[in-house]
Amino acid sequence: MDKDHRSLLLVTEPSAFSQLFVDYLREQGDFPVSVTLPQSRPTHEEALPTVILLDIDHMSEASVYAWYTHYSDQPGVALAVFNLADEDHAAELVSAMHLQGVFYRQDDLSLICKGLTTLMEGHPWMSRSLMARLLEFLRQQQMNAYRPACGLTQREQEIIGLLGSGSSNLEIADILNVSEHTVKSHLYNTFKKIGVNTRRQAVSWARQHLGAPPPRGE
């Protein structure tokens, strides 16, 4: 990437901390920094940033997916997230989306700045242990592609996939043009088949056995 054309787009809500963060990056980083709100959607007619940094603390899962789907097919744009709680949280996101950078709440500003510079140069930024978990996830995904999905019907797979994208029962019903009662019945049967009790457990199971959930439409 041409050094003169590198830039960072920070997606976050305004706060005293975010302003201090931006000021630090502008002072210490060798790249321009712009800031936008999570609900904003810059158009492709604007100059594309080199790195988009999403603040997980101020974004819903649906909002993160919306930004991901908006930019994931843009060459030369690296998507990264920060303020992640721990590696388990990171593994959950990275297995669902093709992210190039991961930063945690405990990371100091100098480390984040170093990581962003690495991303600007076209290299990923995440720990070796997280990379190993991602590779193991992809290996398991390939193996599971040759196995039946625990007897789930096509409709049940569609519903649990939409569940993983953050959709509510009512939203799933609207997308599939069925009643909310039908969605609840399918989820009840699915939970029994795969041996889970909560939506979160079902989402985790789906990501391990069915791959990344479909992006949630806006």
Protein backbone atom coordinates (compact mmCIF):
# COMPACT_ATOMS: atom_id res chain seq x y z
CA MET A 1 0.00 0.00 0.00
CA ASP A 2 1.32 3.45 -0.97
CA LYS A 3 2.19 5.21 2.27
CA ASP A 4 0.61 8.44 1.03
CA HIS A 5 -2.76 6.75 0.57
CA ARG A 6 -2.99 4.85 3.86
CA SER A 7 -5.81 5.87 6.20
CA LEU A 8 -7.82 4.64 9.18
CA LEU A 9 -11.59 4.84 9.65
CA LEU A 10 -12.58 4.43 13.30
CA VAL A 11 -16.21 3.37 13.85
CA THR A 12 -17.32 4.30 17.35
CA GLU A 13 -19.61 6.46 19.45
CA PRO A 14 -18.30 9.85 20.62
CA SER A 15 -16.95 9.86 24.17
CA ALA A 16 -14.07 11.29 26.16
CA PHE A 17 -12.17 8.02 25.80
CA SER A 18 -12.72 7.75 22.04
CA GLN A 19 -11.51 11.34 21.60
CA LEU A 20 -8.35 10.59 23.59
CA PHE A 21 -7.88 7.46 21.47
CA VAL A 22 -8.23 9.43 18.23
CA ASP A 23 -5.88 12.16 19.45
CA TYR A 24 -3.26 9.56 20.32
CA LEU A 25 -3.52 7.83 16.95
CA ARG A 26 -3.26 11.14 15.11
CA GLU A 27 -0.18 12.09 17.09
CA GLN A 28 1.60 8.73 17.05
CA GLY A 29 0.32 7.02 13.91
CA ASP A 30 1.84 7.69 10.52
CA PHE A 31 -1.58 7.81 8.82
CA PRO A 32 -4.68 10.03 8.74
CA VAL A 33 -7.57 9.09 11.05
CA SER A 34 -11.25 9.76 10.49
CA VAL A 35 -14.18 8.86 12.75
CA THR A 36 -17.76 7.87 12.01
CA LEU A 37 -20.76 6.54 13.91
CA PRO A 38 -21.72 2.84 13.84
CA GLN A 39 -25.04 3.66 12.16
CA SER A 40 -23.31 5.60 9.35
CA ARG A 41 -22.70 4.00 5.96
CA PRO A 42 -20.01 5.73 3.87
CA THR A 43 -20.60 5.22 0.15
CA HIS A 44 -18.15 3.48 -2.16
CA GLU A 45 -17.88 6.75 -4.08
CA GLU A 46 -15.77 8.11 -1.24
CA ALA A 47 -12.10 7.23 -0.93
CA LEU A 48 -11.85 3.82 0.71
CA PRO A 49 -9.86 3.62 3.95
CA THR A 50 -7.01 1.16 4.29
CA VAL A 51 -8.18 -0.07 7.71
CA ILE A 52 -11.65 0.04 9.26
CA LEU A 53 -11.54 -0.35 13.04
CA LEU A 54 -14.86 -1.33 14.65
CA ASP A 55 -15.47 -0.57 18.33
CA ILE A 56 -17.23 -3.67 19.69
CA ASP A 57 -18.18 -1.85 22.89
CA HIS A 58 -20.52 0.44 20.95
CA MET A 59 -21.85 -1.85 18.21
CA SER A 60 -24.43 -4.61 18.16
CA GLU A 61 -23.61 -7.88 16.41
CA ALA A 62 -26.03 -6.91 13.63
CA SER A 63 -24.22 -3.58 13.16
CA VAL A 64 -20.84 -5.31 12.97
CA TYR A 65 -22.21 -7.68 10.31
CA ALA A 66 -23.61 -4.71 8.36
CA TRP A 67 -20.17 -3.06 8.21
CA TYR A 68 -18.57 -6.39 7.38
CA THR A 69 -20.88 -7.08 4.43
CA HIS A 70 -20.50 -3.49 3.21
CA TYR A 71 -16.72 -3.67 2.97
CA SER A 72 -15.71 -7.35 2.93
CA ASP A 73 -15.57 -7.48 -0.88
CA GLN A 74 -13.45 -4.34 -1.22
CA PRO A 75 -9.83 -5.13 -2.16
CA GLY A 76 -7.21 -3.36 -0.11
CA VAL A 77 -9.51 -2.72 2.86
CA ALA A 78 -8.64 -4.47 6.14
CA LEU A 79 -11.39 -4.95 8.72
CA ALA A 80 -10.39 -4.98 12.39
CA VAL A 81 -12.17 -4.92 15.75
CA PHE A 82 -11.12 -3.59 19.15
CA ASN A 83 -12.30 -3.64 22.76
CA LEU A 84 -12.79 -7.41 22.65
CA ALA A 85 -13.16 -9.01 26.07
CA ASP A 86 -10.91 -12.03 25.51
CA GLU A 87 -9.69 -14.59 23.00
CA ASP A 88 -12.92 -16.61 23.19
CA HIS A 89 -14.83 -13.52 22.07
CA ALA A 90 -12.28 -12.96 19.31
CA ALA A 91 -12.46 -16.57 18.11
CA GLU A 92 -16.25 -16.32 17.89
CA LEU A 93 -16.06 -13.22 15.69
CA VAL A 94 -13.12 -14.33 13.53
CA SER A 95 -14.80 -17.67 12.79
CA ALA A 96 -17.86 -15.81 11.52
CA MET A 97 -16.17 -13.01 9.60
CA HIS A 98 -12.94 -12.56 7.68
CA LEU A 99 -11.21 -10.09 9.99
CA GLN A 100 -7.58 -9.07 9.61
CA GLY A 101 -7.06 -7.42 12.98
CA VAL A 102 -8.06 -8.10 16.59
CA PHE A 103 -7.41 -5.85 19.59
CA TYR A 104 -8.44 -6.44 23.21
CA ARG A 105 -9.62 -4.09 25.96
CA GLN A 106 -6.40 -4.61 27.88
CA ASP A 107 -4.15 -3.70 24.91
CA ASP A 108 -2.26 -0.47 25.52
CA LEU A 109 -2.38 2.36 22.99
CA SER A 110 1.17 1.84 21.75
CA LEU A 111 0.43 -1.80 20.92
CA ILE A 112 -2.77 -0.86 19.09
CA CYS A 113 -0.89 1.76 17.10
CA LYS A 114 1.76 -0.82 16.18
CA GLY A 115 -0.92 -3.27 15.13
CA LEU A 116 -2.70 -0.70 12.98
CA THR A 117 0.58 0.13 11.24
CA THR A 118 1.05 -3.58 10.52
CA LEU A 119 -2.46 -3.75 9.05
CA MET A 120 -1.68 -0.69 6.93
CA GLU A 121 1.22 -2.63 5.45
CA GLY A 122 -1.10 -5.44 4.39
CA HIS A 123 -0.32 -7.93 7.16
CA PRO A 124 -2.80 -9.44 9.67
CA TRP A 125 -2.63 -8.61 13.38
CA MET A 126 -3.73 -11.30 15.80
CA SER A 127 -2.08 -13.63 18.26
CA ARG A 128 -0.60 -16.97 17.23
CA SER A 129 -2.99 -18.80 19.55
CA LEU A 130 -5.98 -17.12 17.88
CA MET A 131 -4.59 -17.95 14.44
CA ALA A 132 -4.21 -21.57 15.56
CA ARG A 133 -7.83 -21.64 16.74
CA LEU A 134 -8.98 -20.19 13.43
CA LEU A 135 -7.05 -22.80 11.46
CA GLU A 136 -8.53 -25.57 13.62
CA PHE A 137 -12.01 -24.13 13.07
CA LEU A 138 -11.47 -24.13 9.29
CA ARG A 139 -10.18 -27.70 9.43
CA GLN A 140 -13.25 -28.83 11.38
CA GLN A 141 -15.47 -26.94 8.97
CA GLN A 142 -13.98 -28.81 6.03
CA MET A 143 -14.46 -32.14 7.79
CA ASN A 144 -18.05 -31.31 8.70
CA ALA A 145 -18.83 -30.46 5.09
CA TYR A 146 -18.76 -34.20 4.42
CA ARG A 147 -21.00 -35.14 7.35
CA PRO A 148 -24.76 -34.84 7.81
CA ALA A 149 -25.67 -31.93 10.10
CA CYS A 150 -27.05 -34.08 12.95
CA GLY A 151 -30.25 -34.78 11.08
CA LEU A 152 -31.23 -31.12 10.70
CA THR A 153 -33.59 -30.36 7.84
CA GLN A 154 -32.70 -27.64 5.32
CA ARG A 155 -35.23 -25.31 6.96
CA GLU A 156 -33.76 -25.94 10.41
CA GLN A 157 -30.28 -25.18 9.08
CA GLU A 158 -31.55 -21.94 7.53
CA ILE A 159 -33.18 -20.87 10.80
CA ILE A 160 -30.20 -21.65 13.01
CA GLY A 161 -27.99 -19.83 10.51
CA LEU A 162 -30.18 -16.73 10.72
CA LEU A 163 -30.14 -17.07 14.48
CA GLY A 164 -26.36 -16.80 14.32
CA SER A 165 -26.57 -13.55 12.33
CA GLY A 166 -28.38 -11.89 15.23
CA SER A 167 -31.94 -12.08 13.89
CA SER A 168 -34.91 -12.35 16.26
CA ASN A 169 -37.64 -14.97 15.86
CA LEU A 170 -39.91 -12.37 14.27
CA GLU A 171 -37.19 -11.25 11.84
CA ILE A 172 -36.47 -14.87 10.87
CA ALA A 173 -40.20 -15.40 10.26
CA ASP A 174 -40.31 -12.34 7.99
CA ILE A 175 -37.22 -13.40 6.05
CA LEU A 176 -38.49 -16.96 5.47
CA ASN A 177 -42.12 -15.91 5.04
CA VAL A 178 -43.39 -18.21 7.80
CA SER A 179 -45.14 -17.58 11.10
CA GLU A 180 -43.25 -16.80 14.29
CA HIS A 181 -44.86 -19.89 15.83
CA THR A 182 -43.31 -22.01 13.03
CA VAL A 183 -39.89 -20.53 13.77
CA LYS A 184 -40.25 -21.34 17.48
CA SER A 185 -41.27 -24.91 16.65
CA HIS A 186 -38.27 -25.38 14.37
CA LEU A 187 -35.94 -23.96 17.03
CA TYR A 188 -37.40 -26.27 19.68
CA ASN A 189 -36.82 -29.31 17.46
CA THR A 190 -33.35 -28.09 16.48
CA PHE A 191 -32.29 -27.52 20.10
CA LYS A 192 -33.34 -31.09 20.94
CA LYS A 193 -31.44 -32.56 17.97
CA ILE A 194 -28.17 -30.80 18.70
CA GLY A 195 -28.43 -31.01 22.50
CA VAL A 196 -28.42 -27.34 23.50
CA ASN A 197 -30.67 -25.27 25.76
CA THR A 198 -30.00 -21.63 24.84
CA ARG A 199 -29.77 -19.49 21.71
CA ARG A 200 -26.12 -18.70 22.44
CA GLN A 201 -25.27 -22.41 22.66
CA ALA A 202 -27.13 -22.99 19.38
CA VAL A 203 -25.20 -20.21 17.65
CA SER A 204 -21.90 -21.63 18.91
CA TRP A 205 -22.87 -25.12 17.69
CA ALA A 206 -23.89 -23.78 14.27
CA ARG A 207 -20.60 -21.96 13.78
CA GLN A 208 -18.66 -25.10 14.62
CA HIS A 209 -20.73 -27.45 12.46
CA LEU A 210 -22.35 -25.37 9.73
CA GLY A 211 -19.82 -22.60 9.19
CA ALA A 212 -20.30 -18.84 9.35
CA PRO A 213 -23.89 -17.59 9.52
CA PRO A 214 -25.33 -15.71 6.55
CA PRO A 215 -24.88 -11.93 6.78
CA ARG A 216 -27.87 -10.21 8.26
CA GLY A 217 -29.52 -7.76 5.87
CA GLU A 218 -30.20 -4.21 6.93
